[in-house]
Amino acid sequence: MPEFIDDEDFGSYFETFDHTAWRLETRRGYASDRVSEKFHRWSESGVLPDDSHRPWCRNVRRQTAAGKRIERVRLVDTPLTPEQRYLLASAKANNAAGEDIRTLRRDEADRLRLGSEDFWLFDACRALVLHFDKADEYLGAELVTDLARVVRFCQLRDAAWHFAIPHEALATEAQ
């Protein structure tokens, strides 16, 4: 079993990186989304509230104003899962704050052999691998500084980013 960082330390990585924070999102859904009020409202109405004031968006604006980049690639299925449709719809606020979220079809990710690890890569020198159980419940984040693993995450980033498309290209499927 990997050693997890303290949950309180998790957020500090998004405030202390120097240049880039990059994520590969591989899950078909997240339990935390399925139980959220925001997800339930969206499921019933198809409308998301303006939540551009939440801490994540405030930090993204702060970091990108300082010249840093926050990017992610989300793997999506055909057809999209309800959770993926929700995440595509909710990406609008993140992108407006300055995060660059792109999508990649799972069959393309499989062709590229991206694997299933869900992770954040910071400044191409350390990573947080997010661990989940079979019910998509978040278990914790493992700090990775081992050079060989970090280099592999950089390779995954480069391949995914090259083939990913802006989230807007799939956003109509989220509606």
N, C-alpha and C. Protein backbone atom coordinates (compact mmCIF):
# COMPACT_ATOMS: atom_id res chain seq x y z
N MET A 1 0.85 -1.19 0.00
CA MET A 1 0.00 0.00 0.00
C MET A 1 0.89 1.24 0.00
N PRO A 2 0.60 2.20 -0.88
CA PRO A 2 1.43 3.41 -0.92
C PRO A 2 1.23 4.27 0.33
N GLU A 3 2.21 5.12 0.58
CA GLU A 3 2.11 6.05 1.70
C GLU A 3 1.45 7.33 1.20
N PHE A 4 0.35 7.72 1.84
CA PHE A 4 -0.39 8.90 1.42
C PHE A 4 0.10 10.13 2.17
N ILE A 5 0.05 11.26 1.46
CA ILE A 5 0.36 12.54 2.11
C ILE A 5 -0.83 12.94 2.96
N ASP A 6 -0.61 13.85 3.86
CA ASP A 6 -1.67 14.40 4.69
C ASP A 6 -2.61 15.21 3.78
N ASP A 7 -3.91 15.01 3.94
CA ASP A 7 -4.88 15.73 3.10
C ASP A 7 -4.72 17.25 3.21
N GLU A 8 -4.28 17.74 4.34
CA GLU A 8 -4.08 19.18 4.50
C GLU A 8 -2.94 19.68 3.63
N ASP A 9 -1.95 18.81 3.35
CA ASP A 9 -0.83 19.19 2.49
C ASP A 9 -1.20 19.19 1.01
N PHE A 10 -2.23 18.45 0.65
CA PHE A 10 -2.61 18.29 -0.75
C PHE A 10 -2.76 19.65 -1.44
N GLY A 11 -3.54 20.54 -0.86
CA GLY A 11 -3.80 21.84 -1.47
C GLY A 11 -2.57 22.71 -1.62
N SER A 12 -1.58 22.53 -0.76
CA SER A 12 -0.39 23.37 -0.83
C SER A 12 0.38 23.17 -2.13
N TYR A 13 0.28 22.00 -2.74
CA TYR A 13 0.98 21.76 -4.00
C TYR A 13 0.47 22.69 -5.11
N PHE A 14 -0.78 23.12 -5.02
CA PHE A 14 -1.36 23.98 -6.04
C PHE A 14 -1.05 25.45 -5.81
N GLU A 15 -0.43 25.75 -4.71
CA GLU A 15 -0.04 27.11 -4.40
C GLU A 15 1.47 27.31 -4.50
N THR A 16 2.23 26.22 -4.43
CA THR A 16 3.69 26.34 -4.36
C THR A 16 4.43 25.86 -5.60
N PHE A 17 3.72 25.40 -6.64
CA PHE A 17 4.43 24.97 -7.84
C PHE A 17 5.01 26.20 -8.55
N ASP A 18 6.05 25.98 -9.32
CA ASP A 18 6.75 27.11 -9.96
C ASP A 18 6.25 27.44 -11.35
N HIS A 19 5.90 26.41 -12.15
CA HIS A 19 5.57 26.68 -13.55
C HIS A 19 4.29 25.99 -14.03
N THR A 20 4.20 24.67 -13.78
CA THR A 20 3.06 23.92 -14.31
C THR A 20 2.49 22.92 -13.30
N ALA A 21 1.19 22.83 -13.32
CA ALA A 21 0.46 21.77 -12.63
C ALA A 21 -0.38 21.11 -13.71
N TRP A 22 -0.20 19.81 -13.88
CA TRP A 22 -0.85 19.11 -14.99
C TRP A 22 -1.48 17.82 -14.47
N ARG A 23 -2.69 17.53 -14.93
CA ARG A 23 -3.39 16.33 -14.45
C ARG A 23 -3.84 15.44 -15.58
N LEU A 24 -3.74 14.13 -15.34
CA LEU A 24 -4.40 13.14 -16.18
C LEU A 24 -5.52 12.55 -15.34
N GLU A 25 -6.74 12.73 -15.81
CA GLU A 25 -7.94 12.27 -15.11
C GLU A 25 -8.47 11.04 -15.84
N THR A 26 -8.39 9.89 -15.19
CA THR A 26 -8.67 8.64 -15.88
C THR A 26 -9.96 7.95 -15.47
N ARG A 27 -10.59 8.37 -14.41
CA ARG A 27 -11.77 7.67 -13.89
C ARG A 27 -12.99 7.95 -14.76
N ARG A 28 -13.91 7.02 -14.74
CA ARG A 28 -15.18 7.22 -15.45
C ARG A 28 -16.15 8.06 -14.63
N GLY A 29 -15.85 8.21 -13.36
CA GLY A 29 -16.65 9.02 -12.46
C GLY A 29 -16.02 9.02 -11.10
N TYR A 30 -16.44 9.95 -10.28
CA TYR A 30 -15.89 10.10 -8.93
C TYR A 30 -17.05 10.07 -7.94
N ALA A 31 -16.91 9.27 -6.91
CA ALA A 31 -17.98 9.15 -5.90
C ALA A 31 -18.30 10.51 -5.30
N SER A 32 -17.28 11.35 -5.10
CA SER A 32 -17.51 12.67 -4.50
C SER A 32 -18.45 13.52 -5.37
N ASP A 33 -18.37 13.37 -6.68
CA ASP A 33 -19.30 14.10 -7.55
C ASP A 33 -20.71 13.54 -7.41
N ARG A 34 -20.82 12.22 -7.44
CA ARG A 34 -22.15 11.60 -7.42
C ARG A 34 -22.96 11.94 -6.18
N VAL A 35 -22.30 12.25 -5.06
CA VAL A 35 -23.04 12.58 -3.84
C VAL A 35 -23.18 14.08 -3.63
N SER A 36 -22.63 14.89 -4.53
CA SER A 36 -22.67 16.34 -4.32
C SER A 36 -24.02 16.93 -4.73
N GLU A 37 -24.39 17.98 -4.03
CA GLU A 37 -25.62 18.72 -4.35
C GLU A 37 -25.55 19.30 -5.76
N LYS A 38 -24.39 19.80 -6.12
CA LYS A 38 -24.19 20.39 -7.45
C LYS A 38 -24.48 19.37 -8.55
N PHE A 39 -23.99 18.13 -8.39
CA PHE A 39 -24.23 17.07 -9.36
C PHE A 39 -25.72 16.75 -9.45
N HIS A 40 -26.38 16.66 -8.30
CA HIS A 40 -27.81 16.34 -8.30
C HIS A 40 -28.64 17.44 -8.96
N ARG A 41 -28.30 18.68 -8.69
CA ARG A 41 -29.01 19.79 -9.35
C ARG A 41 -28.83 19.73 -10.85
N TRP A 42 -27.58 19.51 -11.28
CA TRP A 42 -27.29 19.42 -12.70
C TRP A 42 -28.03 18.24 -13.33
N SER A 43 -28.06 17.09 -12.65
CA SER A 43 -28.75 15.90 -13.16
C SER A 43 -30.23 16.16 -13.38
N GLU A 44 -30.83 16.95 -12.49
CA GLU A 44 -32.26 17.22 -12.59
C GLU A 44 -32.58 18.33 -13.58
N SER A 45 -31.72 19.35 -13.65
CA SER A 45 -32.05 20.53 -14.45
C SER A 45 -31.17 20.75 -15.68
N GLY A 46 -29.99 20.13 -15.69
CA GLY A 46 -29.04 20.39 -16.78
C GLY A 46 -28.34 21.73 -16.65
N VAL A 47 -28.56 22.41 -15.52
CA VAL A 47 -28.00 23.74 -15.30
C VAL A 47 -27.02 23.68 -14.13
N LEU A 48 -25.90 24.34 -14.30
CA LEU A 48 -24.92 24.44 -13.22
C LEU A 48 -24.92 25.86 -12.67
N PRO A 49 -24.83 26.00 -11.36
CA PRO A 49 -24.74 27.34 -10.79
C PRO A 49 -23.37 27.95 -11.09
N ASP A 50 -23.31 29.26 -11.06
CA ASP A 50 -22.02 29.93 -11.21
C ASP A 50 -21.24 29.72 -9.92
N ASP A 51 -20.19 28.94 -10.02
CA ASP A 51 -19.37 28.71 -8.83
C ASP A 51 -17.93 29.16 -9.08
N SER A 52 -17.78 30.17 -9.91
CA SER A 52 -16.45 30.68 -10.25
C SER A 52 -15.77 31.36 -9.06
N HIS A 53 -16.49 31.54 -7.98
CA HIS A 53 -15.95 32.15 -6.77
C HIS A 53 -15.32 31.12 -5.81
N ARG A 54 -15.47 29.82 -6.12
CA ARG A 54 -14.96 28.79 -5.21
C ARG A 54 -13.44 28.86 -5.11
N PRO A 55 -12.86 28.33 -4.05
CA PRO A 55 -11.41 28.43 -3.82
C PRO A 55 -10.56 27.93 -4.99
N TRP A 56 -10.97 26.84 -5.62
CA TRP A 56 -10.19 26.32 -6.75
C TRP A 56 -10.04 27.38 -7.84
N CYS A 57 -11.14 27.98 -8.24
CA CYS A 57 -11.10 28.99 -9.32
C CYS A 57 -10.31 30.23 -8.89
N ARG A 58 -10.45 30.63 -7.64
CA ARG A 58 -9.68 31.78 -7.16
C ARG A 58 -8.18 31.49 -7.25
N ASN A 59 -7.78 30.29 -6.86
CA ASN A 59 -6.36 29.93 -6.93
C ASN A 59 -5.89 29.82 -8.38
N VAL A 60 -6.70 29.25 -9.25
CA VAL A 60 -6.33 29.16 -10.66
C VAL A 60 -6.09 30.56 -11.22
N ARG A 61 -6.98 31.50 -10.92
CA ARG A 61 -6.79 32.88 -11.40
C ARG A 61 -5.49 33.47 -10.85
N ARG A 62 -5.23 33.24 -9.58
CA ARG A 62 -4.02 33.76 -8.95
C ARG A 62 -2.76 33.17 -9.59
N GLN A 63 -2.75 31.87 -9.79
CA GLN A 63 -1.57 31.20 -10.34
C GLN A 63 -1.36 31.57 -11.81
N THR A 64 -2.41 31.59 -12.60
CA THR A 64 -2.24 31.93 -14.01
C THR A 64 -1.90 33.40 -14.20
N ALA A 65 -2.38 34.26 -13.31
CA ALA A 65 -2.00 35.68 -13.38
C ALA A 65 -0.50 35.85 -13.11
N ALA A 66 0.08 34.90 -12.38
CA ALA A 66 1.52 34.93 -12.10
C ALA A 66 2.32 34.25 -13.21
N GLY A 67 1.65 33.85 -14.29
CA GLY A 67 2.34 33.26 -15.43
C GLY A 67 2.47 31.75 -15.38
N LYS A 68 1.82 31.11 -14.42
CA LYS A 68 1.88 29.65 -14.31
C LYS A 68 0.76 29.02 -15.12
N ARG A 69 0.92 27.73 -15.44
CA ARG A 69 -0.09 27.01 -16.20
C ARG A 69 -0.69 25.89 -15.35
N ILE A 70 -2.01 25.74 -15.43
CA ILE A 70 -2.73 24.64 -14.82
C ILE A 70 -3.53 23.99 -15.95
N GLU A 71 -3.22 22.72 -16.19
CA GLU A 71 -3.80 22.02 -17.33
C GLU A 71 -4.22 20.62 -16.91
N ARG A 72 -5.16 20.06 -17.67
CA ARG A 72 -5.54 18.66 -17.42
C ARG A 72 -6.11 18.06 -18.68
N VAL A 73 -5.99 16.75 -18.75
CA VAL A 73 -6.64 15.96 -19.79
C VAL A 73 -7.55 14.98 -19.09
N ARG A 74 -8.82 14.99 -19.51
CA ARG A 74 -9.81 14.05 -18.98
C ARG A 74 -10.08 12.98 -20.02
N LEU A 75 -9.99 11.74 -19.63
CA LEU A 75 -10.36 10.65 -20.51
C LEU A 75 -11.88 10.53 -20.50
N VAL A 76 -12.45 10.33 -21.68
CA VAL A 76 -13.91 10.19 -21.78
C VAL A 76 -14.25 8.96 -22.60
N ASP A 77 -15.39 8.39 -22.30
CA ASP A 77 -15.86 7.19 -22.96
C ASP A 77 -16.86 7.52 -24.05
N THR A 78 -17.18 6.52 -24.86
CA THR A 78 -18.22 6.62 -25.88
C THR A 78 -19.22 5.52 -25.59
N PRO A 79 -20.43 5.84 -25.17
CA PRO A 79 -20.91 7.20 -24.88
C PRO A 79 -20.34 7.71 -23.55
N LEU A 80 -20.48 9.01 -23.36
CA LEU A 80 -20.03 9.63 -22.12
C LEU A 80 -20.84 9.10 -20.94
N THR A 81 -20.19 8.90 -19.82
CA THR A 81 -20.91 8.55 -18.59
C THR A 81 -21.60 9.82 -18.09
N PRO A 82 -22.63 9.69 -17.24
CA PRO A 82 -23.25 10.89 -16.68
C PRO A 82 -22.22 11.77 -15.94
N GLU A 83 -21.29 11.14 -15.23
CA GLU A 83 -20.27 11.91 -14.52
C GLU A 83 -19.37 12.67 -15.48
N GLN A 84 -19.02 12.06 -16.62
CA GLN A 84 -18.19 12.74 -17.61
C GLN A 84 -18.95 13.90 -18.25
N ARG A 85 -20.24 13.72 -18.50
CA ARG A 85 -21.05 14.83 -19.03
C ARG A 85 -21.07 15.98 -18.03
N TYR A 86 -21.20 15.65 -16.76
CA TYR A 86 -21.19 16.66 -15.70
C TYR A 86 -19.85 17.40 -15.66
N LEU A 87 -18.75 16.65 -15.70
CA LEU A 87 -17.42 17.28 -15.66
C LEU A 87 -17.17 18.15 -16.89
N LEU A 88 -17.66 17.72 -18.05
CA LEU A 88 -17.52 18.56 -19.24
C LEU A 88 -18.30 19.86 -19.06
N ALA A 89 -19.50 19.75 -18.52
CA ALA A 89 -20.31 20.96 -18.30
C ALA A 89 -19.67 21.88 -17.27
N SER A 90 -19.10 21.29 -16.23
CA SER A 90 -18.53 22.12 -15.16
C SER A 90 -17.15 22.66 -15.49
N ALA A 91 -16.55 22.18 -16.56
CA ALA A 91 -15.22 22.68 -16.95
C ALA A 91 -15.25 24.14 -17.37
N LYS A 92 -16.41 24.64 -17.73
CA LYS A 92 -16.53 26.02 -18.19
C LYS A 92 -15.99 27.01 -17.16
N ALA A 93 -16.34 26.84 -15.90
CA ALA A 93 -15.87 27.75 -14.85
C ALA A 93 -14.36 27.63 -14.65
N ASN A 94 -13.85 26.41 -14.69
CA ASN A 94 -12.40 26.22 -14.53
C ASN A 94 -11.64 26.87 -15.68
N ASN A 95 -12.12 26.65 -16.90
CA ASN A 95 -11.46 27.25 -18.06
C ASN A 95 -11.54 28.77 -18.02
N ALA A 96 -12.67 29.31 -17.60
CA ALA A 96 -12.81 30.76 -17.50
C ALA A 96 -11.83 31.34 -16.48
N ALA A 97 -11.51 30.55 -15.46
CA ALA A 97 -10.57 31.00 -14.44
C ALA A 97 -9.12 30.95 -14.93
N GLY A 98 -8.88 30.18 -16.02
CA GLY A 98 -7.53 30.11 -16.58
C GLY A 98 -6.96 28.72 -16.70
N GLU A 99 -7.68 27.71 -16.20
CA GLU A 99 -7.22 26.33 -16.37
C GLU A 99 -7.52 25.89 -17.80
N ASP A 100 -6.65 25.10 -18.38
CA ASP A 100 -6.85 24.58 -19.72
C ASP A 100 -7.20 23.10 -19.60
N ILE A 101 -8.49 22.79 -19.77
CA ILE A 101 -8.97 21.42 -19.65
C ILE A 101 -9.25 20.89 -21.05
N ARG A 102 -8.69 19.74 -21.34
CA ARG A 102 -8.89 19.09 -22.64
C ARG A 102 -9.39 17.68 -22.41
N THR A 103 -9.91 17.06 -23.47
CA THR A 103 -10.44 15.71 -23.36
C THR A 103 -9.75 14.80 -24.37
N LEU A 104 -9.77 13.52 -24.04
CA LEU A 104 -9.20 12.50 -24.91
C LEU A 104 -10.08 11.26 -24.80
N ARG A 105 -10.49 10.75 -25.93
CA ARG A 105 -11.33 9.55 -25.93
C ARG A 105 -10.54 8.38 -25.34
N ARG A 106 -11.22 7.56 -24.56
CA ARG A 106 -10.56 6.44 -23.89
C ARG A 106 -9.94 5.47 -24.89
N ASP A 107 -10.57 5.24 -26.02
CA ASP A 107 -9.97 4.32 -27.00
C ASP A 107 -8.64 4.87 -27.52
N GLU A 108 -8.53 6.17 -27.66
CA GLU A 108 -7.27 6.79 -28.07
C GLU A 108 -6.24 6.68 -26.94
N ALA A 109 -6.68 6.89 -25.71
CA ALA A 109 -5.79 6.74 -24.56
C ALA A 109 -5.27 5.31 -24.45
N ASP A 110 -6.14 4.34 -24.73
CA ASP A 110 -5.71 2.94 -24.72
C ASP A 110 -4.68 2.69 -25.81
N ARG A 111 -4.91 3.26 -26.99
CA ARG A 111 -3.94 3.11 -28.09
C ARG A 111 -2.59 3.69 -27.70
N LEU A 112 -2.62 4.80 -26.96
CA LEU A 112 -1.39 5.46 -26.51
C LEU A 112 -0.78 4.79 -25.28
N ARG A 113 -1.49 3.83 -24.70
CA ARG A 113 -1.05 3.11 -23.50
C ARG A 113 -0.82 4.07 -22.32
N LEU A 114 -1.83 4.94 -22.11
CA LEU A 114 -1.71 5.91 -21.02
C LEU A 114 -1.93 5.28 -19.65
N GLY A 115 -2.57 4.14 -19.61
CA GLY A 115 -2.79 3.48 -18.33
C GLY A 115 -3.97 4.08 -17.58
N SER A 116 -4.06 3.71 -16.31
CA SER A 116 -5.22 4.12 -15.52
C SER A 116 -4.87 4.98 -14.31
N GLU A 117 -3.59 5.33 -14.14
CA GLU A 117 -3.24 6.15 -12.98
C GLU A 117 -3.77 7.56 -13.16
N ASP A 118 -4.43 8.03 -12.14
CA ASP A 118 -4.97 9.38 -12.08
C ASP A 118 -3.96 10.20 -11.27
N PHE A 119 -3.38 11.24 -11.87
CA PHE A 119 -2.30 11.94 -11.18
C PHE A 119 -2.21 13.41 -11.55
N TRP A 120 -1.58 14.16 -10.66
CA TRP A 120 -1.15 15.53 -10.89
C TRP A 120 0.37 15.51 -11.01
N LEU A 121 0.90 16.25 -11.97
CA LEU A 121 2.34 16.38 -12.17
C LEU A 121 2.70 17.85 -11.97
N PHE A 122 3.65 18.12 -11.11
CA PHE A 122 4.04 19.49 -10.79
C PHE A 122 5.46 19.76 -11.27
N ASP A 123 5.60 20.75 -12.15
CA ASP A 123 6.91 21.21 -12.61
C ASP A 123 7.79 20.08 -13.14
N ALA A 124 7.18 19.01 -13.62
CA ALA A 124 7.91 17.87 -14.18
C ALA A 124 8.95 17.30 -13.22
N CYS A 125 8.71 17.48 -11.90
CA CYS A 125 9.69 16.96 -10.94
C CYS A 125 9.06 16.20 -9.78
N ARG A 126 7.75 16.28 -9.62
CA ARG A 126 7.07 15.51 -8.57
C ARG A 126 5.61 15.33 -8.99
N ALA A 127 5.01 14.28 -8.46
CA ALA A 127 3.63 13.97 -8.82
C ALA A 127 2.86 13.56 -7.58
N LEU A 128 1.57 13.76 -7.67
CA LEU A 128 0.63 13.21 -6.69
C LEU A 128 -0.24 12.22 -7.44
N VAL A 129 -0.12 10.94 -7.08
CA VAL A 129 -0.95 9.91 -7.68
C VAL A 129 -2.17 9.76 -6.78
N LEU A 130 -3.35 9.93 -7.37
CA LEU A 130 -4.59 9.83 -6.62
C LEU A 130 -5.08 8.39 -6.65
N HIS A 131 -5.38 7.86 -5.49
CA HIS A 131 -5.83 6.47 -5.37
C HIS A 131 -7.32 6.45 -5.03
N PHE A 132 -8.02 5.50 -5.66
CA PHE A 132 -9.46 5.33 -5.48
C PHE A 132 -9.77 3.85 -5.29
N ASP A 133 -10.88 3.57 -4.63
CA ASP A 133 -11.31 2.18 -4.53
C ASP A 133 -12.22 1.86 -5.71
N LYS A 134 -12.75 0.65 -5.74
CA LYS A 134 -13.58 0.21 -6.88
C LYS A 134 -14.89 0.98 -6.99
N ALA A 135 -15.32 1.63 -5.91
CA ALA A 135 -16.54 2.43 -5.93
C ALA A 135 -16.24 3.90 -6.23
N ASP A 136 -15.02 4.19 -6.67
CA ASP A 136 -14.58 5.56 -7.03
C ASP A 136 -14.46 6.48 -5.83
N GLU A 137 -14.35 5.91 -4.63
CA GLU A 137 -14.11 6.71 -3.43
C GLU A 137 -12.63 7.05 -3.36
N TYR A 138 -12.34 8.30 -3.09
CA TYR A 138 -10.96 8.77 -2.96
C TYR A 138 -10.34 8.19 -1.69
N LEU A 139 -9.17 7.57 -1.84
CA LEU A 139 -8.47 6.97 -0.70
C LEU A 139 -7.34 7.85 -0.19
N GLY A 140 -6.70 8.59 -1.09
CA GLY A 140 -5.59 9.44 -0.70
C GLY A 140 -4.67 9.70 -1.87
N ALA A 141 -3.66 10.56 -1.64
CA ALA A 141 -2.70 10.93 -2.67
C ALA A 141 -1.30 10.50 -2.23
N GLU A 142 -0.62 9.88 -3.15
CA GLU A 142 0.75 9.40 -2.93
C GLU A 142 1.72 10.38 -3.59
N LEU A 143 2.66 10.92 -2.83
CA LEU A 143 3.69 11.79 -3.38
C LEU A 143 4.74 10.93 -4.07
N VAL A 144 5.04 11.27 -5.33
CA VAL A 144 6.04 10.55 -6.10
C VAL A 144 7.14 11.52 -6.49
N THR A 145 8.36 11.21 -6.07
CA THR A 145 9.54 12.00 -6.46
C THR A 145 10.58 11.13 -7.15
N ASP A 146 10.34 9.82 -7.22
CA ASP A 146 11.25 8.90 -7.89
C ASP A 146 11.38 9.32 -9.35
N LEU A 147 12.62 9.57 -9.78
CA LEU A 147 12.87 10.13 -11.10
C LEU A 147 12.29 9.28 -12.23
N ALA A 148 12.43 7.97 -12.15
CA ALA A 148 11.92 7.11 -13.21
C ALA A 148 10.41 7.22 -13.35
N ARG A 149 9.69 7.25 -12.24
CA ARG A 149 8.23 7.39 -12.30
C ARG A 149 7.84 8.78 -12.79
N VAL A 150 8.55 9.80 -12.33
CA VAL A 150 8.24 11.16 -12.76
C VAL A 150 8.46 11.30 -14.27
N VAL A 151 9.55 10.75 -14.78
CA VAL A 151 9.81 10.80 -16.23
C VAL A 151 8.69 10.09 -16.98
N ARG A 152 8.23 8.96 -16.47
CA ARG A 152 7.11 8.25 -17.11
C ARG A 152 5.86 9.13 -17.11
N PHE A 153 5.57 9.82 -16.03
CA PHE A 153 4.42 10.72 -15.99
C PHE A 153 4.59 11.86 -17.01
N CYS A 154 5.80 12.34 -17.18
CA CYS A 154 6.05 13.38 -18.19
C CYS A 154 5.77 12.84 -19.60
N GLN A 155 6.14 11.60 -19.85
CA GLN A 155 5.87 10.99 -21.15
C GLN A 155 4.36 10.83 -21.36
N LEU A 156 3.67 10.41 -20.33
CA LEU A 156 2.21 10.28 -20.42
C LEU A 156 1.57 11.64 -20.69
N ARG A 157 2.05 12.66 -19.98
CA ARG A 157 1.54 14.02 -20.19
C ARG A 157 1.72 14.45 -21.65
N ASP A 158 2.93 14.26 -22.16
CA ASP A 158 3.22 14.71 -23.52
C ASP A 158 2.34 14.01 -24.55
N ALA A 159 2.17 12.70 -24.39
CA ALA A 159 1.33 11.95 -25.33
C ALA A 159 -0.13 12.38 -25.23
N ALA A 160 -0.63 12.46 -24.00
CA ALA A 160 -2.03 12.83 -23.81
C ALA A 160 -2.30 14.24 -24.32
N TRP A 161 -1.43 15.18 -24.00
CA TRP A 161 -1.65 16.58 -24.38
C TRP A 161 -1.63 16.73 -25.89
N HIS A 162 -0.75 15.99 -26.56
CA HIS A 162 -0.63 16.09 -28.01
C HIS A 162 -1.93 15.70 -28.71
N PHE A 163 -2.61 14.68 -28.20
CA PHE A 163 -3.80 14.16 -28.87
C PHE A 163 -5.11 14.67 -28.30
N ALA A 164 -5.07 15.34 -27.17
CA ALA A 164 -6.30 15.83 -26.52
C ALA A 164 -6.88 17.01 -27.30
N ILE A 165 -8.17 17.17 -27.15
CA ILE A 165 -8.86 18.28 -27.81
C ILE A 165 -9.48 19.19 -26.74
N PRO A 166 -9.67 20.47 -27.06
CA PRO A 166 -10.31 21.37 -26.09
C PRO A 166 -11.66 20.82 -25.66
N HIS A 167 -11.99 21.05 -24.39
CA HIS A 167 -13.23 20.47 -23.86
C HIS A 167 -14.46 20.96 -24.61
N GLU A 168 -14.40 22.14 -25.19
CA GLU A 168 -15.55 22.69 -25.91
C GLU A 168 -15.96 21.79 -27.08
N ALA A 169 -15.01 21.06 -27.66
CA ALA A 169 -15.32 20.18 -28.78
C ALA A 169 -16.28 19.07 -28.39
N LEU A 170 -16.31 18.70 -27.11
CA LEU A 170 -17.23 17.67 -26.64
C LEU A 170 -18.34 18.24 -25.76
N ALA A 171 -18.30 19.52 -25.48
CA ALA A 171 -19.25 20.11 -24.52
C ALA A 171 -20.69 19.93 -24.94
N THR A 172 -20.97 19.88 -26.23
CA THR A 172 -22.37 19.70 -26.66
C THR A 172 -22.90 18.34 -26.22
N GLU A 173 -22.02 17.34 -26.08
CA GLU A 173 -22.46 16.04 -25.60
C GLU A 173 -22.83 16.09 -24.12
N ALA A 174 -22.34 17.07 -23.41
CA ALA A 174 -22.61 17.19 -21.97
C ALA A 174 -24.00 17.76 -21.71
N GLN A 175 -24.60 18.30 -22.71
CA GLN A 175 -25.90 18.95 -22.51
C GLN A 175 -27.04 17.97 -22.68
